[in-house]
Amino acid sequence: MDLSDKAFERKSFEPNAMIFQSGDRALSAFVVLKGDVDIIGVNEKGEMITYTVVKRGEMFGELALMQDGAKRTASAITKSGCEVMTVSREKVTEKMDRADPFLKYWIKYLSDRVIDLSKRVQK
């Protein structure tokens, strides 16, 4: 991945920083370069729960970019601080527009399935 591209930006977050909050508009995805990030939500009892912990080399926030106008369905918080690379919605759209039609269909299909399953689990 060419990090000199303006679509990619490195950002650092202090410990206990909110990277994004549930309900925020999705403008970018993130790849963890250092540290880790908790993806959290609220269960049916109103309790905060951790869905997953994203570690170095892993991506988060990507599914919301696969749907126009999507909002975040969970929050992302770093407990010990982290460094991430952001990937803009524009860059993802540009890459998808240039993708092979079959691969584009495949990615969209899989994304829709994961989004649907995530919604079912959160109920």
C-alpha atoms as a PDB file:
ATOM      1  CA  MET A   1       0.000   0.000   0.000  1.00  0.00           C
ATOM      2  CA  ASP A   2       1.440   3.354  -1.027  1.00  0.00           C
ATOM      3  CA  LEU A   3       1.355   5.526   2.103  1.00  0.00           C
ATOM      4  CA  SER A   4       2.436   8.602   0.137  1.00  0.00           C
ATOM      5  CA  ASP A   5      -1.072   8.773  -1.336  1.00  0.00           C
ATOM      6  CA  LYS A   6      -3.059  11.653   0.167  1.00  0.00           C
ATOM      7  CA  ALA A   7      -5.991   9.296   0.784  1.00  0.00           C
ATOM      8  CA  PHE A   8      -3.932   7.615   3.511  1.00  0.00           C
ATOM      9  CA  GLU A   9      -3.124   9.513   6.664  1.00  0.00           C
ATOM     10  CA  ARG A  10      -1.403   8.431   9.857  1.00  0.00           C
ATOM     11  CA  LYS A  11      -3.073   9.435  13.098  1.00  0.00           C
ATOM     12  CA  SER A  12      -2.084   8.891  16.705  1.00  0.00           C
ATOM     13  CA  PHE A  13      -4.526   8.592  19.595  1.00  0.00           C
ATOM     14  CA  GLU A  14      -3.799   9.007  23.291  1.00  0.00           C
ATOM     15  CA  PRO A  15      -4.902   6.368  25.819  1.00  0.00           C
ATOM     16  CA  ASN A  16      -8.690   6.193  26.317  1.00  0.00           C
ATOM     17  CA  ALA A  17      -9.347   8.188  23.139  1.00  0.00           C
ATOM     18  CA  MET A  18     -12.609   7.767  21.217  1.00  0.00           C
ATOM     19  CA  ILE A  19     -11.725   7.189  17.550  1.00  0.00           C
ATOM     20  CA  PHE A  20     -15.357   7.163  16.488  1.00  0.00           C
ATOM     21  CA  GLN A  21     -18.700   6.814  18.195  1.00  0.00           C
ATOM     22  CA  SER A  22     -21.752   4.748  17.347  1.00  0.00           C
ATOM     23  CA  GLY A  23     -24.003   6.862  15.139  1.00  0.00           C
ATOM     24  CA  ASP A  24     -21.154   8.863  13.574  1.00  0.00           C
ATOM     25  CA  ARG A  25     -21.103   9.159   9.793  1.00  0.00           C
ATOM     26  CA  ALA A  26     -18.526   6.788   8.293  1.00  0.00           C
ATOM     27  CA  LEU A  27     -15.880   8.749   6.387  1.00  0.00           C
ATOM     28  CA  SER A  28     -12.900   6.399   6.648  1.00  0.00           C
ATOM     29  CA  ALA A  29     -11.665   2.989   7.672  1.00  0.00           C
ATOM     30  CA  PHE A  30      -8.603   2.383   9.838  1.00  0.00           C
ATOM     31  CA  VAL A  31      -5.627   0.017   9.893  1.00  0.00           C
ATOM     32  CA  VAL A  32      -3.889  -0.366  13.265  1.00  0.00           C
ATOM     33  CA  LEU A  33      -0.167   0.331  12.982  1.00  0.00           C
ATOM     34  CA  LYS A  34       0.643   0.344  16.733  1.00  0.00           C
ATOM     35  CA  GLY A  35      -1.404  -0.480  19.816  1.00  0.00           C
ATOM     36  CA  ASP A  36      -4.921  -1.880  19.799  1.00  0.00           C
ATOM     37  CA  VAL A  37      -8.517  -0.662  19.601  1.00  0.00           C
ATOM     38  CA  ASP A  38     -11.636  -1.904  21.400  1.00  0.00           C
ATOM     39  CA  ILE A  39     -14.824  -2.029  19.334  1.00  0.00           C
ATOM     40  CA  ILE A  40     -17.647  -1.572  21.807  1.00  0.00           C
ATOM     41  CA  GLY A  41     -21.412  -1.353  21.864  1.00  0.00           C
ATOM     42  CA  VAL A  42     -24.361  -1.490  24.199  1.00  0.00           C
ATOM     43  CA  ASN A  43     -26.281  -4.721  24.787  1.00  0.00           C
ATOM     44  CA  GLU A  44     -30.040  -5.071  25.351  1.00  0.00           C
ATOM     45  CA  LYS A  45     -29.546  -4.423  29.091  1.00  0.00           C
ATOM     46  CA  GLY A  46     -27.823  -1.102  28.379  1.00  0.00           C
ATOM     47  CA  GLU A  47     -24.407  -2.456  29.402  1.00  0.00           C
ATOM     48  CA  MET A  48     -21.217  -1.598  27.526  1.00  0.00           C
ATOM     49  CA  ILE A  49     -19.707  -4.693  25.917  1.00  0.00           C
ATOM     50  CA  THR A  50     -16.569  -5.262  23.877  1.00  0.00           C
ATOM     51  CA  TYR A  51     -17.340  -6.877  20.520  1.00  0.00           C
ATOM     52  CA  THR A  52     -13.691  -7.331  19.589  1.00  0.00           C
ATOM     53  CA  VAL A  53     -10.190  -5.998  20.096  1.00  0.00           C
ATOM     54  CA  VAL A  54      -8.437  -4.917  16.890  1.00  0.00           C
ATOM     55  CA  LYS A  55      -4.675  -5.426  16.935  1.00  0.00           C
ATOM     56  CA  ARG A  56      -1.680  -4.334  14.853  1.00  0.00           C
ATOM     57  CA  GLY A  57      -2.165  -5.034  11.142  1.00  0.00           C
ATOM     58  CA  GLU A  58      -5.943  -5.410  11.417  1.00  0.00           C
ATOM     59  CA  MET A  59      -8.604  -3.130   9.955  1.00  0.00           C
ATOM     60  CA  PHE A  60     -11.748  -1.683  11.515  1.00  0.00           C
ATOM     61  CA  GLY A  61     -14.534   0.627  10.413  1.00  0.00           C
ATOM     62  CA  GLU A  62     -14.436  -0.781   6.891  1.00  0.00           C
ATOM     63  CA  LEU A  63     -17.964  -2.196   6.651  1.00  0.00           C
ATOM     64  CA  ALA A  64     -19.635   1.167   7.119  1.00  0.00           C
ATOM     65  CA  LEU A  65     -17.802   2.375   3.993  1.00  0.00           C
ATOM     66  CA  MET A  66     -19.490  -0.286   1.889  1.00  0.00           C
ATOM     67  CA  GLN A  67     -22.915   1.369   2.190  1.00  0.00           C
ATOM     68  CA  ASP A  68     -23.680   4.933   1.102  1.00  0.00           C
ATOM     69  CA  GLY A  69     -24.572   7.207   3.990  1.00  0.00           C
ATOM     70  CA  ALA A  70     -23.890   4.512   6.574  1.00  0.00           C
ATOM     71  CA  LYS A  71     -23.456   5.387  10.213  1.00  0.00           C
ATOM     72  CA  ARG A  72     -21.192   3.625  12.682  1.00  0.00           C
ATOM     73  CA  THR A  73     -22.920   0.787  14.525  1.00  0.00           C
ATOM     74  CA  ALA A  74     -20.309   0.587  17.290  1.00  0.00           C
ATOM     75  CA  SER A  75     -17.708   2.796  18.937  1.00  0.00           C
ATOM     76  CA  ALA A  76     -13.925   2.485  18.673  1.00  0.00           C
ATOM     77  CA  ILE A  77     -11.786   3.345  21.709  1.00  0.00           C
ATOM     78  CA  THR A  78      -8.107   2.837  22.374  1.00  0.00           C
ATOM     79  CA  LYS A  79      -7.223   2.009  25.963  1.00  0.00           C
ATOM     80  CA  SER A  80      -3.453   2.300  25.771  1.00  0.00           C
ATOM     81  CA  GLY A  81      -3.107   4.628  22.781  1.00  0.00           C
ATOM     82  CA  CYS A  82      -2.520   3.682  19.181  1.00  0.00           C
ATOM     83  CA  GLU A  83      -1.369   4.770  15.759  1.00  0.00           C
ATOM     84  CA  VAL A  84      -3.585   4.097  12.754  1.00  0.00           C
ATOM     85  CA  MET A  85      -3.598   4.653   9.026  1.00  0.00           C
ATOM     86  CA  THR A  86      -6.862   6.040   7.726  1.00  0.00           C
ATOM     87  CA  VAL A  87      -8.338   4.984   4.388  1.00  0.00           C
ATOM     88  CA  SER A  88     -10.825   7.505   3.030  1.00  0.00           C
ATOM     89  CA  ARG A  89     -14.259   6.670   1.646  1.00  0.00           C
ATOM     90  CA  GLU A  90     -13.161   8.345  -1.604  1.00  0.00           C
ATOM     91  CA  LYS A  91     -10.183   5.984  -1.961  1.00  0.00           C
ATOM     92  CA  VAL A  92     -12.345   2.913  -1.333  1.00  0.00           C
ATOM     93  CA  THR A  93     -14.924   4.142  -3.867  1.00  0.00           C
ATOM     94  CA  GLU A  94     -12.187   4.854  -6.417  1.00  0.00           C
ATOM     95  CA  LYS A  95     -10.728   1.351  -6.010  1.00  0.00           C
ATOM     96  CA  MET A  96     -14.167  -0.294  -6.190  1.00  0.00           C
ATOM     97  CA  ASP A  97     -15.068   1.649  -9.341  1.00  0.00           C
ATOM     98  CA  ARG A  98     -11.912   0.317 -11.044  1.00  0.00           C
ATOM     99  CA  ALA A  99     -12.330  -3.256  -9.788  1.00  0.00           C
ATOM    100  CA  ASP A 100     -13.163  -6.206 -12.000  1.00  0.00           C
ATOM    101  CA  PRO A 101     -17.003  -6.431 -12.154  1.00  0.00           C
ATOM    102  CA  PHE A 102     -17.054  -9.939 -10.681  1.00  0.00           C
ATOM    103  CA  LEU A 103     -14.747  -9.000  -7.785  1.00  0.00           C
ATOM    104  CA  LYS A 104     -16.799  -5.861  -7.207  1.00  0.00           C
ATOM    105  CA  TYR A 105     -19.960  -8.008  -6.998  1.00  0.00           C
ATOM    106  CA  TRP A 106     -18.211 -10.509  -4.724  1.00  0.00           C
ATOM    107  CA  ILE A 107     -16.972  -7.837  -2.294  1.00  0.00           C
ATOM    108  CA  LYS A 108     -20.366  -6.105  -2.205  1.00  0.00           C
ATOM    109  CA  TYR A 109     -22.162  -9.429  -1.653  1.00  0.00           C
ATOM    110  CA  LEU A 110     -19.861 -10.485   1.202  1.00  0.00           C
ATOM    111  CA  SER A 111     -20.048  -7.024   2.780  1.00  0.00           C
ATOM    112  CA  ASP A 112     -23.840  -7.058   2.687  1.00  0.00           C
ATOM    113  CA  ARG A 113     -23.880 -10.515   4.292  1.00  0.00           C
ATOM    114  CA  VAL A 114     -21.561  -9.469   7.118  1.00  0.00           C
ATOM    115  CA  ILE A 115     -23.564  -6.272   7.709  1.00  0.00           C
ATOM    116  CA  ASP A 116     -26.800  -8.260   7.818  1.00  0.00           C
ATOM    117  CA  LEU A 117     -25.347 -10.812  10.257  1.00  0.00           C
ATOM    118  CA  SER A 118     -23.970  -8.012  12.450  1.00  0.00           C
ATOM    119  CA  LYS A 119     -27.394  -6.393  12.646  1.00  0.00           C
ATOM    120  CA  ARG A 120     -28.971  -9.708  13.655  1.00  0.00           C
ATOM    121  CA  VAL A 121     -26.399 -10.294  16.393  1.00  0.00           C
ATOM    122  CA  GLN A 122     -26.889  -6.792  17.822  1.00  0.00           C
ATOM    123  CA  LYS A 123     -30.667  -7.303  18.294  1.00  0.00           C
END
